[in-house]
Amino acid sequence: MKYTKRYKVDPLLSGLTRHFLLMTATPHNGKEADFQLLLALLDGDRFEGKFRDGVHQMDVSDLMRRMVRENLLKFGGRPLFPEWRM
């Protein structure tokens, strides 16, 4: 398997510190195999291994929080992203 440089940096950094935070604005691009690789960085015991379509059922509620742009608010309560039309 070919790993990106970004993917390779996780083991290096996580070995240097007890607390390690990964952040991404778009964790899931619809490719389940790529998503599993991201999850393996967060919890290798649960998500390591070759992805097999239809076999994996992932509960990631303890690892990430899904935030939909339409529900995000500023501190004053106004929408963070105003409505836009095509």
N, C-alpha and C. Protein backbone atom coordinates (compact mmCIF):
# COMPACT_ATOMS: atom_id res chain seq x y z
N MET A 1 0.85 -1.18 0.00
CA MET A 1 0.00 0.00 0.00
C MET A 1 0.90 1.25 0.00
N LYS A 2 0.52 2.23 -0.76
CA LYS A 2 1.29 3.47 -0.84
C LYS A 2 0.68 4.51 0.10
N TYR A 3 1.50 5.03 1.01
CA TYR A 3 1.03 6.03 1.98
C TYR A 3 1.53 7.41 1.59
N THR A 4 0.71 8.42 1.82
CA THR A 4 1.11 9.79 1.55
C THR A 4 2.05 10.27 2.65
N LYS A 5 2.75 11.35 2.41
CA LYS A 5 3.65 11.93 3.42
C LYS A 5 2.85 12.37 4.64
N ARG A 6 1.66 12.91 4.42
CA ARG A 6 0.81 13.32 5.55
C ARG A 6 0.45 12.12 6.41
N TYR A 7 0.16 10.99 5.78
CA TYR A 7 -0.21 9.79 6.52
C TYR A 7 0.99 9.26 7.32
N LYS A 8 2.17 9.36 6.75
CA LYS A 8 3.38 8.87 7.42
C LYS A 8 3.79 9.71 8.62
N VAL A 9 3.40 10.96 8.66
CA VAL A 9 3.83 11.84 9.75
C VAL A 9 3.14 11.51 11.07
N ASP A 10 1.96 10.89 11.03
CA ASP A 10 1.23 10.57 12.26
C ASP A 10 2.03 9.70 13.22
N PRO A 11 2.57 8.57 12.79
CA PRO A 11 3.34 7.76 13.74
C PRO A 11 4.55 8.50 14.30
N LEU A 12 5.15 9.35 13.50
CA LEU A 12 6.30 10.11 13.98
C LEU A 12 5.90 11.10 15.07
N LEU A 13 4.85 11.88 14.83
CA LEU A 13 4.42 12.87 15.80
C LEU A 13 3.77 12.25 17.03
N SER A 14 2.97 11.22 16.82
CA SER A 14 2.27 10.63 17.97
C SER A 14 3.24 9.95 18.92
N GLY A 15 4.40 9.57 18.45
CA GLY A 15 5.41 8.98 19.32
C GLY A 15 6.13 10.00 20.17
N LEU A 16 5.99 11.27 19.83
CA LEU A 16 6.67 12.33 20.56
C LEU A 16 5.81 12.99 21.63
N THR A 17 4.51 12.75 21.60
CA THR A 17 3.61 13.43 22.52
C THR A 17 2.49 12.51 22.98
N ARG A 18 1.96 12.78 24.15
CA ARG A 18 0.87 11.97 24.67
C ARG A 18 -0.46 12.35 24.02
N HIS A 19 -0.66 13.63 23.76
CA HIS A 19 -1.91 14.12 23.17
C HIS A 19 -1.64 14.55 21.74
N PHE A 20 -2.50 14.11 20.86
CA PHE A 20 -2.29 14.36 19.44
C PHE A 20 -3.65 14.60 18.80
N LEU A 21 -3.83 15.72 18.14
CA LEU A 21 -5.11 16.08 17.56
C LEU A 21 -4.99 16.19 16.04
N LEU A 22 -5.83 15.45 15.34
CA LEU A 22 -5.91 15.54 13.89
C LEU A 22 -7.21 16.24 13.54
N MET A 23 -7.15 17.20 12.63
CA MET A 23 -8.36 17.92 12.24
C MET A 23 -8.45 17.96 10.72
N THR A 24 -9.67 17.81 10.24
CA THR A 24 -9.93 17.91 8.82
C THR A 24 -11.33 18.48 8.62
N ALA A 25 -11.48 19.27 7.61
CA ALA A 25 -12.79 19.85 7.33
C ALA A 25 -13.66 18.87 6.56
N THR A 26 -13.05 17.98 5.81
CA THR A 26 -13.80 17.03 5.00
C THR A 26 -13.19 15.64 5.19
N PRO A 27 -13.58 14.94 6.27
CA PRO A 27 -12.95 13.65 6.53
C PRO A 27 -13.40 12.53 5.60
N HIS A 28 -14.55 12.69 4.95
CA HIS A 28 -15.07 11.58 4.15
C HIS A 28 -15.40 12.07 2.75
N ASN A 29 -14.69 11.54 1.77
CA ASN A 29 -14.91 11.92 0.38
C ASN A 29 -15.77 10.91 -0.36
N GLY A 30 -16.35 9.96 0.39
CA GLY A 30 -17.18 8.92 -0.22
C GLY A 30 -16.42 7.65 -0.51
N LYS A 31 -15.11 7.67 -0.36
CA LYS A 31 -14.29 6.48 -0.59
C LYS A 31 -14.05 5.80 0.75
N GLU A 32 -14.73 4.69 0.97
CA GLU A 32 -14.67 4.01 2.27
C GLU A 32 -13.27 3.56 2.64
N ALA A 33 -12.49 3.10 1.68
CA ALA A 33 -11.13 2.64 1.98
C ALA A 33 -10.28 3.79 2.50
N ASP A 34 -10.39 4.97 1.90
CA ASP A 34 -9.64 6.14 2.36
C ASP A 34 -10.09 6.55 3.76
N PHE A 35 -11.39 6.48 4.01
CA PHE A 35 -11.94 6.83 5.31
C PHE A 35 -11.42 5.88 6.39
N GLN A 36 -11.32 4.59 6.06
CA GLN A 36 -10.79 3.64 7.03
C GLN A 36 -9.33 3.94 7.35
N LEU A 37 -8.56 4.38 6.38
CA LEU A 37 -7.16 4.75 6.65
C LEU A 37 -7.10 5.91 7.63
N LEU A 38 -7.98 6.89 7.48
CA LEU A 38 -8.03 8.00 8.43
C LEU A 38 -8.38 7.48 9.82
N LEU A 39 -9.36 6.60 9.91
CA LEU A 39 -9.77 6.04 11.20
C LEU A 39 -8.66 5.20 11.82
N ALA A 40 -7.87 4.53 11.01
CA ALA A 40 -6.77 3.72 11.53
C ALA A 40 -5.72 4.61 12.19
N LEU A 41 -5.58 5.84 11.73
CA LEU A 41 -4.68 6.78 12.41
C LEU A 41 -5.18 7.10 13.81
N LEU A 42 -6.49 7.18 13.95
CA LEU A 42 -7.09 7.53 15.23
C LEU A 42 -7.14 6.35 16.19
N ASP A 43 -7.42 5.17 15.70
CA ASP A 43 -7.52 3.98 16.55
C ASP A 43 -7.13 2.76 15.73
N GLY A 44 -5.85 2.46 15.71
CA GLY A 44 -5.34 1.36 14.90
C GLY A 44 -5.89 0.01 15.30
N ASP A 45 -6.19 -0.19 16.58
CA ASP A 45 -6.72 -1.48 17.02
C ASP A 45 -8.09 -1.78 16.41
N ARG A 46 -8.90 -0.77 16.28
CA ARG A 46 -10.26 -0.97 15.76
C ARG A 46 -10.35 -0.93 14.24
N PHE A 47 -9.50 -0.16 13.59
CA PHE A 47 -9.71 0.11 12.16
C PHE A 47 -8.55 -0.31 11.26
N GLU A 48 -7.53 -0.95 11.81
CA GLU A 48 -6.39 -1.37 10.99
C GLU A 48 -6.80 -2.55 10.13
N GLY A 49 -6.20 -2.69 8.99
CA GLY A 49 -6.47 -3.83 8.12
C GLY A 49 -7.04 -3.39 6.79
N LYS A 50 -7.12 -4.33 5.89
CA LYS A 50 -7.60 -4.04 4.54
C LYS A 50 -9.11 -3.85 4.54
N PHE A 51 -9.55 -2.78 3.93
CA PHE A 51 -10.97 -2.48 3.82
C PHE A 51 -11.62 -3.45 2.85
N ARG A 52 -12.76 -4.00 3.26
CA ARG A 52 -13.55 -4.86 2.37
C ARG A 52 -14.95 -4.27 2.31
N ASP A 53 -15.37 -3.88 1.13
CA ASP A 53 -16.65 -3.21 0.93
C ASP A 53 -17.80 -4.06 1.44
N GLY A 54 -18.69 -3.45 2.22
CA GLY A 54 -19.86 -4.13 2.73
C GLY A 54 -19.63 -4.92 4.00
N VAL A 55 -18.38 -5.08 4.41
CA VAL A 55 -18.07 -5.88 5.59
C VAL A 55 -17.96 -5.00 6.84
N HIS A 56 -17.39 -3.84 6.67
CA HIS A 56 -17.12 -2.97 7.80
C HIS A 56 -18.33 -2.12 8.17
N GLN A 57 -18.73 -2.18 9.42
CA GLN A 57 -19.74 -1.28 9.98
C GLN A 57 -19.02 -0.47 11.04
N MET A 58 -18.87 0.81 10.81
CA MET A 58 -18.06 1.63 11.70
C MET A 58 -18.90 2.56 12.55
N ASP A 59 -18.73 2.46 13.85
CA ASP A 59 -19.30 3.43 14.77
C ASP A 59 -18.19 4.39 15.15
N VAL A 60 -18.24 5.61 14.63
CA VAL A 60 -17.16 6.57 14.86
C VAL A 60 -17.60 7.71 15.78
N SER A 61 -18.73 7.53 16.45
CA SER A 61 -19.28 8.60 17.27
C SER A 61 -18.35 9.01 18.42
N ASP A 62 -17.48 8.10 18.86
CA ASP A 62 -16.54 8.45 19.92
C ASP A 62 -15.26 9.09 19.39
N LEU A 63 -15.09 9.12 18.06
CA LEU A 63 -13.87 9.66 17.47
C LEU A 63 -14.07 10.99 16.75
N MET A 64 -15.26 11.20 16.23
CA MET A 64 -15.47 12.44 15.47
C MET A 64 -16.91 12.90 15.61
N ARG A 65 -17.08 14.15 15.28
CA ARG A 65 -18.40 14.76 15.36
C ARG A 65 -18.74 15.34 13.99
N ARG A 66 -19.88 14.99 13.48
CA ARG A 66 -20.32 15.50 12.18
C ARG A 66 -21.03 16.83 12.39
N MET A 67 -20.58 17.81 11.65
CA MET A 67 -21.18 19.13 11.73
C MET A 67 -21.58 19.55 10.32
N VAL A 68 -22.85 19.82 10.14
CA VAL A 68 -23.39 20.20 8.84
C VAL A 68 -23.39 21.72 8.75
N ARG A 69 -22.90 22.24 7.65
CA ARG A 69 -22.72 23.69 7.52
C ARG A 69 -24.00 24.48 7.75
N GLU A 70 -25.16 23.90 7.38
CA GLU A 70 -26.43 24.61 7.57
C GLU A 70 -26.77 24.79 9.05
N ASN A 71 -26.19 23.99 9.93
CA ASN A 71 -26.50 24.07 11.36
C ASN A 71 -25.48 24.85 12.17
N LEU A 72 -24.40 25.32 11.55
CA LEU A 72 -23.35 26.03 12.28
C LEU A 72 -23.75 27.48 12.50
N LEU A 73 -23.57 27.94 13.75
CA LEU A 73 -23.95 29.30 14.12
C LEU A 73 -22.77 30.07 14.66
N LYS A 74 -22.81 31.39 14.49
CA LYS A 74 -21.83 32.28 15.11
C LYS A 74 -22.20 32.44 16.58
N PHE A 75 -21.33 33.08 17.36
CA PHE A 75 -21.61 33.25 18.78
C PHE A 75 -22.92 34.00 19.03
N GLY A 76 -23.29 34.92 18.16
CA GLY A 76 -24.52 35.68 18.32
C GLY A 76 -25.77 34.92 17.90
N GLY A 77 -25.61 33.72 17.36
CA GLY A 77 -26.76 32.92 16.96
C GLY A 77 -27.09 33.00 15.49
N ARG A 78 -26.39 33.87 14.74
CA ARG A 78 -26.62 33.97 13.30
C ARG A 78 -25.92 32.81 12.59
N PRO A 79 -26.44 32.40 11.44
CA PRO A 79 -25.80 31.32 10.69
C PRO A 79 -24.36 31.68 10.31
N LEU A 80 -23.46 30.72 10.46
CA LEU A 80 -22.08 30.93 10.07
C LEU A 80 -21.95 31.06 8.57
N PHE A 81 -22.75 30.29 7.85
CA PHE A 81 -22.76 30.34 6.39
C PHE A 81 -24.14 30.80 5.95
N PRO A 82 -24.28 32.05 5.54
CA PRO A 82 -25.59 32.54 5.09
C PRO A 82 -26.09 31.72 3.90
N GLU A 83 -27.40 31.69 3.74
CA GLU A 83 -27.97 30.94 2.61
C GLU A 83 -27.44 31.48 1.30
N TRP A 84 -27.23 30.59 0.39
CA TRP A 84 -26.82 30.99 -0.94
C TRP A 84 -27.61 30.18 -1.94
N ARG A 85 -27.82 30.78 -3.05
CA ARG A 85 -28.62 30.15 -4.09
C ARG A 85 -27.79 29.98 -5.35
N MET A 86 -28.09 28.92 -6.09
CA MET A 86 -27.40 28.65 -7.34
C MET A 86 -28.03 29.47 -8.44
